[in-house]
Amino acid sequence: MCYHDKGVTLIRTQIQLSQRQSNILKDLSTTRKESIASLIRQAIDQFIASGAPNRTGLYEQALTVVGKFQAESPDISVEHDKYLDEDFSS
């Protein structure tokens, strides 16, 4: 079912909240004189605006360090756990 609010089509959905989340939203709704639905939409808009991590950018950034460092041991990439255990147990 669709609704319209200020020229925007709203899609009815159902979510489950913890008791704590519900209580906080009810208090905010009363304080701000806004509906709980409106507060949830605002929170979702903020979440979307914060952006998800750019995986491609993160991979490219990680690749910039490949080959820039040299280890004393030639098997460090295979035996890293062993070396970490040795270093942290001393």
Protein backbone atom coordinates (compact mmCIF):
# COMPACT_ATOMS: atom_id res chain seq x y z
CA MET A 1 0.00 0.00 0.00
CA CYS A 2 1.34 3.46 -0.86
CA TYR A 3 0.79 6.77 0.86
CA HIS A 4 1.72 10.30 -0.09
CA ASP A 5 3.32 12.88 2.17
CA LYS A 6 4.51 16.25 0.87
CA GLY A 7 4.60 14.94 -2.70
CA VAL A 8 6.62 11.84 -1.79
CA THR A 9 5.24 8.34 -2.22
CA LEU A 10 5.62 6.39 1.01
CA ILE A 11 5.72 2.61 1.07
CA ARG A 12 4.25 0.92 4.14
CA THR A 13 6.72 -1.39 5.84
CA GLN A 14 6.97 -3.11 9.17
CA ILE A 15 9.97 -3.19 11.49
CA GLN A 16 10.64 -4.58 14.93
CA LEU A 17 12.25 -2.41 17.58
CA SER A 18 13.67 -3.21 20.96
CA GLN A 19 11.71 -1.92 23.94
CA ARG A 20 14.47 0.65 24.54
CA GLN A 21 14.34 1.89 20.94
CA SER A 22 10.57 2.14 21.07
CA ASN A 23 10.63 4.10 24.33
CA ILE A 24 13.25 6.53 23.04
CA LEU A 25 11.34 7.07 19.80
CA LYS A 26 8.09 7.71 21.68
CA ASP A 27 9.84 10.29 23.88
CA LEU A 28 11.47 11.97 20.87
CA SER A 29 8.15 11.96 19.04
CA THR A 30 6.47 13.76 21.92
CA THR A 31 9.33 16.21 22.44
CA ARG A 32 9.70 17.10 18.77
CA LYS A 33 5.99 16.87 17.98
CA GLU A 34 6.77 14.57 15.03
CA SER A 35 5.52 11.11 14.23
CA ILE A 36 7.64 8.08 14.99
CA ALA A 37 7.50 7.21 11.29
CA SER A 38 8.93 10.62 10.41
CA LEU A 39 11.77 10.18 12.92
CA ILE A 40 12.58 6.75 11.50
CA ARG A 41 12.61 8.14 7.93
CA GLN A 42 14.99 10.90 9.06
CA ALA A 43 17.30 8.36 10.70
CA ILE A 44 17.31 6.25 7.53
CA ASP A 45 18.09 9.34 5.43
CA GLN A 46 21.05 10.12 7.69
CA PHE A 47 22.26 6.52 7.45
CA ILE A 48 22.03 6.58 3.65
CA ALA A 49 23.77 9.97 3.46
CA SER A 50 26.67 8.70 5.58
CA GLY A 51 27.38 6.32 2.74
CA ALA A 52 28.46 2.74 2.66
CA PRO A 53 32.16 2.03 2.39
CA ASN A 54 33.46 2.29 -1.16
CA ARG A 55 34.86 -1.24 -1.49
CA THR A 56 36.56 -0.51 -4.80
CA GLY A 57 38.32 2.49 -3.28
CA LEU A 58 39.34 0.47 -0.23
CA TYR A 59 40.80 -2.30 -2.42
CA GLU A 60 42.69 0.25 -4.51
CA GLN A 61 44.04 1.87 -1.36
CA ALA A 62 45.18 -1.50 -0.01
CA LEU A 63 46.92 -2.31 -3.29
CA THR A 64 49.04 0.84 -3.03
CA VAL A 65 51.07 -0.75 -0.22
CA VAL A 66 51.67 -4.07 -1.98
CA GLY A 67 55.39 -4.61 -2.46
CA LYS A 68 56.42 -1.52 -0.48
CA PHE A 69 57.60 -3.43 2.57
CA GLN A 70 60.07 -6.24 3.03
CA ALA A 71 60.11 -8.81 5.82
CA GLU A 72 63.18 -10.34 7.41
CA SER A 73 61.71 -13.83 7.04
CA PRO A 74 60.82 -15.13 3.56
CA ASP A 75 57.87 -17.19 4.87
CA ILE A 76 56.18 -14.38 6.81
CA SER A 77 53.05 -14.45 4.62
CA VAL A 78 52.54 -18.16 5.34
CA GLU A 79 53.76 -18.33 8.93
CA HIS A 80 52.47 -14.95 10.20
CA ASP A 81 50.54 -16.52 13.09
CA LYS A 82 53.65 -18.32 14.31
CA TYR A 83 55.68 -15.09 14.24
CA LEU A 84 52.95 -13.14 16.02
CA ASP A 85 52.76 -15.80 18.74
CA GLU A 86 56.53 -15.66 19.19
CA ASP A 87 56.57 -11.85 19.40
CA PHE A 88 53.64 -11.54 21.77
CA SER A 89 54.68 -14.38 24.07
CA SER A 90 58.09 -12.83 24.77
